[in-house]
Amino acid sequence: MGHRAFAFPPMFFLLGLFWFLPPASTQSTNKIGTCQTETLGREFITSYMEDCGNSSQFEVQITGYFAFTSVSVSVSNYTGNRTRFEKKIMVNQGEMVPVRLPESLGIKGTTKFSNVVLVKADKDISVVSVSNKHVSPETTVLYPVSSLGNE
């Protein structure tokens, strides 16, 4: 009979790999090439596209990671007549609070626009942008302004 080398069964090998990975709660930064990205931050921006004349529902979903986090969601000049949308909320650790935005917020056509949603907080949060369109709902995890660069 031939001599067999000692081999780990594949399942034990994979379990061994997972043993050395840090828990997900400590993995706050993703490294992509030479760039580092993080979804936690204190300032975020987003905008929404129109839906070919159909009505849309826009919202941002804000998740807190610290107790008593004060958050402001604002859109300046969203109706074109220099009025302003602003909502202030309090988010706690582990809580997700949706903030409904005006339906007239979507970008119309190909003109310049100023309908930018600004989310600011006094402690780190994460933000998901949601657009519930007639046929195609969309969600996007937002990156903080500090991660966007300047080009």
C-alpha atoms as a PDB file:
ATOM      1  CA  MET A   1       0.000   0.000   0.000  1.00  0.00           C
ATOM      2  CA  GLY A   2       1.227   3.506  -0.887  1.00  0.00           C
ATOM      3  CA  HIS A   3       2.205   6.175   1.604  1.00  0.00           C
ATOM      4  CA  ARG A   4      -0.544   8.835   2.101  1.00  0.00           C
ATOM      5  CA  ALA A   5       0.221  12.361   3.167  1.00  0.00           C
ATOM      6  CA  PHE A   6      -1.841  13.911   5.924  1.00  0.00           C
ATOM      7  CA  ALA A   7      -4.522  16.203   4.450  1.00  0.00           C
ATOM      8  CA  PHE A   8      -7.151  18.375   6.092  1.00  0.00           C
ATOM      9  CA  PRO A   9     -10.686  17.828   4.911  1.00  0.00           C
ATOM     10  CA  PRO A  10     -11.795  20.937   2.956  1.00  0.00           C
ATOM     11  CA  MET A  11     -14.428  21.907   5.529  1.00  0.00           C
ATOM     12  CA  PHE A  12     -11.906  22.086   8.381  1.00  0.00           C
ATOM     13  CA  PHE A  13      -9.595  24.162   6.204  1.00  0.00           C
ATOM     14  CA  LEU A  14     -12.338  26.719   5.479  1.00  0.00           C
ATOM     15  CA  LEU A  15     -13.361  26.884   9.134  1.00  0.00           C
ATOM     16  CA  GLY A  16      -9.729  27.549   9.998  1.00  0.00           C
ATOM     17  CA  LEU A  17      -9.656  30.486   7.572  1.00  0.00           C
ATOM     18  CA  PHE A  18     -12.772  32.033   9.109  1.00  0.00           C
ATOM     19  CA  TRP A  19     -11.294  31.634  12.584  1.00  0.00           C
ATOM     20  CA  PHE A  20      -8.595  34.202  11.757  1.00  0.00           C
ATOM     21  CA  LEU A  21     -10.908  36.823  10.186  1.00  0.00           C
ATOM     22  CA  PRO A  22     -11.824  39.757  12.441  1.00  0.00           C
ATOM     23  CA  PRO A  23     -15.508  40.130  13.324  1.00  0.00           C
ATOM     24  CA  ALA A  24     -17.589  42.181  10.865  1.00  0.00           C
ATOM     25  CA  SER A  25     -18.045  44.968  13.423  1.00  0.00           C
ATOM     26  CA  THR A  26     -14.315  45.738  13.301  1.00  0.00           C
ATOM     27  CA  GLN A  27     -14.163  45.812   9.492  1.00  0.00           C
ATOM     28  CA  SER A  28     -15.061  49.463   8.927  1.00  0.00           C
ATOM     29  CA  THR A  29     -12.869  50.235   5.922  1.00  0.00           C
ATOM     30  CA  ASN A  30     -12.894  48.627   2.487  1.00  0.00           C
ATOM     31  CA  LYS A  31      -9.681  48.844   0.490  1.00  0.00           C
ATOM     32  CA  ILE A  32     -10.175  49.024  -3.266  1.00  0.00           C
ATOM     33  CA  GLY A  33      -6.911  49.382  -5.142  1.00  0.00           C
ATOM     34  CA  THR A  34      -5.131  52.336  -3.602  1.00  0.00           C
ATOM     35  CA  CYS A  35      -8.365  53.922  -2.311  1.00  0.00           C
ATOM     36  CA  GLN A  36     -10.013  53.330   1.024  1.00  0.00           C
ATOM     37  CA  THR A  37     -13.770  53.700   1.315  1.00  0.00           C
ATOM     38  CA  GLU A  38     -15.970  53.780   4.371  1.00  0.00           C
ATOM     39  CA  THR A  39     -19.747  54.084   4.619  1.00  0.00           C
ATOM     40  CA  LEU A  40     -19.786  55.699   8.071  1.00  0.00           C
ATOM     41  CA  GLY A  41     -19.574  59.457   8.209  1.00  0.00           C
ATOM     42  CA  ARG A  42     -21.164  62.745   9.246  1.00  0.00           C
ATOM     43  CA  GLU A  43     -21.966  64.411   5.911  1.00  0.00           C
ATOM     44  CA  PHE A  44     -23.581  62.857   2.817  1.00  0.00           C
ATOM     45  CA  ILE A  45     -25.062  64.150  -0.457  1.00  0.00           C
ATOM     46  CA  THR A  46     -27.334  62.562  -3.037  1.00  0.00           C
ATOM     47  CA  SER A  47     -29.812  63.441  -5.792  1.00  0.00           C
ATOM     48  CA  TYR A  48     -32.609  61.626  -7.610  1.00  0.00           C
ATOM     49  CA  MET A  49     -33.436  61.149 -11.307  1.00  0.00           C
ATOM     50  CA  GLU A  50     -36.919  61.732 -12.712  1.00  0.00           C
ATOM     51  CA  ASP A  51     -39.083  58.744 -13.703  1.00  0.00           C
ATOM     52  CA  CYS A  52     -40.419  59.722 -17.143  1.00  0.00           C
ATOM     53  CA  GLY A  53     -43.417  61.615 -15.787  1.00  0.00           C
ATOM     54  CA  ASN A  54     -44.496  58.986 -13.252  1.00  0.00           C
ATOM     55  CA  SER A  55     -44.667  59.883  -9.582  1.00  0.00           C
ATOM     56  CA  SER A  56     -41.809  58.725  -7.393  1.00  0.00           C
ATOM     57  CA  GLN A  57     -41.283  58.422  -3.656  1.00  0.00           C
ATOM     58  CA  PHE A  58     -37.860  59.459  -2.429  1.00  0.00           C
ATOM     59  CA  GLU A  59     -36.370  58.837   1.002  1.00  0.00           C
ATOM     60  CA  VAL A  60     -33.115  58.459   2.869  1.00  0.00           C
ATOM     61  CA  GLN A  61     -32.745  55.763   5.512  1.00  0.00           C
ATOM     62  CA  ILE A  62     -30.416  56.810   8.312  1.00  0.00           C
ATOM     63  CA  THR A  63     -28.819  54.272  10.658  1.00  0.00           C
ATOM     64  CA  GLY A  64     -27.307  55.359  13.964  1.00  0.00           C
ATOM     65  CA  TYR A  65     -24.250  53.870  15.631  1.00  0.00           C
ATOM     66  CA  PHE A  66     -24.240  56.044  18.764  1.00  0.00           C
ATOM     67  CA  ALA A  67     -26.935  57.133  21.211  1.00  0.00           C
ATOM     68  CA  PHE A  68     -28.649  60.490  20.683  1.00  0.00           C
ATOM     69  CA  THR A  69     -27.251  61.286  17.248  1.00  0.00           C
ATOM     70  CA  SER A  70     -28.698  64.530  15.880  1.00  0.00           C
ATOM     71  CA  VAL A  71     -29.292  64.444  12.106  1.00  0.00           C
ATOM     72  CA  SER A  72     -30.411  67.147   9.678  1.00  0.00           C
ATOM     73  CA  VAL A  73     -31.758  66.332   6.196  1.00  0.00           C
ATOM     74  CA  SER A  74     -32.101  69.355   3.921  1.00  0.00           C
ATOM     75  CA  VAL A  75     -32.653  70.356   0.313  1.00  0.00           C
ATOM     76  CA  SER A  76     -32.210  74.015  -0.583  1.00  0.00           C
ATOM     77  CA  ASN A  77     -34.248  75.517  -3.423  1.00  0.00           C
ATOM     78  CA  TYR A  78     -36.028  72.221  -4.148  1.00  0.00           C
ATOM     79  CA  THR A  79     -39.106  73.823  -5.758  1.00  0.00           C
ATOM     80  CA  GLY A  80     -37.222  76.465  -7.704  1.00  0.00           C
ATOM     81  CA  ASN A  81     -38.775  79.336  -5.753  1.00  0.00           C
ATOM     82  CA  ARG A  82     -36.072  79.476  -3.075  1.00  0.00           C
ATOM     83  CA  THR A  83     -38.053  77.501  -0.519  1.00  0.00           C
ATOM     84  CA  ARG A  84     -36.211  74.948   1.531  1.00  0.00           C
ATOM     85  CA  PHE A  85     -36.969  71.442   2.795  1.00  0.00           C
ATOM     86  CA  GLU A  86     -35.423  70.611   6.158  1.00  0.00           C
ATOM     87  CA  LYS A  87     -36.085  67.903   8.709  1.00  0.00           C
ATOM     88  CA  LYS A  88     -34.231  67.316  11.972  1.00  0.00           C
ATOM     89  CA  ILE A  89     -34.352  63.919  13.651  1.00  0.00           C
ATOM     90  CA  MET A  90     -32.708  62.022  16.500  1.00  0.00           C
ATOM     91  CA  VAL A  91     -31.278  58.554  15.761  1.00  0.00           C
ATOM     92  CA  ASN A  92     -30.072  56.091  18.385  1.00  0.00           C
ATOM     93  CA  GLN A  93     -27.587  53.237  18.227  1.00  0.00           C
ATOM     94  CA  GLY A  94     -28.892  50.363  16.089  1.00  0.00           C
ATOM     95  CA  GLU A  95     -31.919  52.360  14.932  1.00  0.00           C
ATOM     96  CA  MET A  96     -32.851  53.049  11.295  1.00  0.00           C
ATOM     97  CA  VAL A  97     -35.042  56.094  10.654  1.00  0.00           C
ATOM     98  CA  PRO A  98     -36.535  56.736   7.194  1.00  0.00           C
ATOM     99  CA  VAL A  99     -36.957  60.372   6.116  1.00  0.00           C
ATOM    100  CA  ARG A 100     -39.466  60.939   3.303  1.00  0.00           C
ATOM    101  CA  LEU A 101     -38.432  63.597   0.793  1.00  0.00           C
ATOM    102  CA  PRO A 102     -40.620  65.763  -1.484  1.00  0.00           C
ATOM    103  CA  GLU A 103     -41.816  64.115  -4.723  1.00  0.00           C
ATOM    104  CA  SER A 104     -40.788  67.201  -6.708  1.00  0.00           C
ATOM    105  CA  LEU A 105     -37.148  66.508  -5.866  1.00  0.00           C
ATOM    106  CA  GLY A 106     -36.263  64.492  -8.993  1.00  0.00           C
ATOM    107  CA  ILE A 107     -34.005  66.038 -11.635  1.00  0.00           C
ATOM    108  CA  LYS A 108     -36.071  67.203 -14.617  1.00  0.00           C
ATOM    109  CA  GLY A 109     -34.583  66.797 -18.087  1.00  0.00           C
ATOM    110  CA  THR A 110     -31.009  67.797 -18.847  1.00  0.00           C
ATOM    111  CA  THR A 111     -30.868  71.248 -17.258  1.00  0.00           C
ATOM    112  CA  LYS A 112     -28.689  72.343 -14.370  1.00  0.00           C
ATOM    113  CA  PHE A 113     -30.279  71.672 -11.008  1.00  0.00           C
ATOM    114  CA  SER A 114     -29.755  72.397  -7.348  1.00  0.00           C
ATOM    115  CA  ASN A 115     -31.932  69.656  -5.848  1.00  0.00           C
ATOM    116  CA  VAL A 116     -29.149  68.089  -3.816  1.00  0.00           C
ATOM    117  CA  VAL A 117     -30.063  66.315  -0.594  1.00  0.00           C
ATOM    118  CA  LEU A 118     -27.636  67.067   2.230  1.00  0.00           C
ATOM    119  CA  VAL A 119     -27.539  64.805   5.303  1.00  0.00           C
ATOM    120  CA  LYS A 120     -25.467  66.034   8.272  1.00  0.00           C
ATOM    121  CA  ALA A 121     -24.994  64.453  11.699  1.00  0.00           C
ATOM    122  CA  ASP A 122     -23.076  65.221  14.881  1.00  0.00           C
ATOM    123  CA  LYS A 123     -21.858  61.586  15.158  1.00  0.00           C
ATOM    124  CA  ASP A 124     -21.107  58.865  12.595  1.00  0.00           C
ATOM    125  CA  ILE A 125     -24.107  57.440  10.717  1.00  0.00           C
ATOM    126  CA  SER A 126     -24.701  55.459   7.532  1.00  0.00           C
ATOM    127  CA  VAL A 127     -27.218  56.490   4.870  1.00  0.00           C
ATOM    128  CA  VAL A 128     -29.115  54.562   2.202  1.00  0.00           C
ATOM    129  CA  SER A 129     -30.830  56.476  -0.608  1.00  0.00           C
ATOM    130  CA  VAL A 130     -34.162  54.961  -1.730  1.00  0.00           C
ATOM    131  CA  SER A 131     -36.161  55.809  -4.850  1.00  0.00           C
ATOM    132  CA  ASN A 132     -39.483  53.974  -5.144  1.00  0.00           C
ATOM    133  CA  LYS A 133     -40.329  54.540  -8.778  1.00  0.00           C
ATOM    134  CA  HIS A 134     -43.348  53.242 -10.640  1.00  0.00           C
ATOM    135  CA  VAL A 135     -41.637  50.152 -12.057  1.00  0.00           C
ATOM    136  CA  SER A 136     -38.069  50.214 -10.796  1.00  0.00           C
ATOM    137  CA  PRO A 137     -37.302  50.714  -7.097  1.00  0.00           C
ATOM    138  CA  GLU A 138     -33.661  51.599  -6.409  1.00  0.00           C
ATOM    139  CA  THR A 139     -31.434  51.697  -3.337  1.00  0.00           C
ATOM    140  CA  THR A 140     -27.921  53.060  -2.999  1.00  0.00           C
ATOM    141  CA  VAL A 141     -25.528  52.995  -0.052  1.00  0.00           C
ATOM    142  CA  LEU A 142     -24.105  56.511   0.195  1.00  0.00           C
ATOM    143  CA  TYR A 143     -20.471  57.302   0.879  1.00  0.00           C
ATOM    144  CA  PRO A 144     -19.563  60.271   3.068  1.00  0.00           C
ATOM    145  CA  VAL A 145     -18.549  63.492   1.318  1.00  0.00           C
ATOM    146  CA  SER A 146     -15.039  63.063   2.744  1.00  0.00           C
ATOM    147  CA  SER A 147     -14.685  59.814   0.709  1.00  0.00           C
ATOM    148  CA  LEU A 148     -15.770  61.339  -2.606  1.00  0.00           C
ATOM    149  CA  GLY A 149     -12.565  63.163  -3.494  1.00  0.00           C
ATOM    150  CA  ASN A 150     -12.366  66.480  -5.300  1.00  0.00           C
ATOM    151  CA  GLU A 151     -12.254  65.689  -9.028  1.00  0.00           C
END
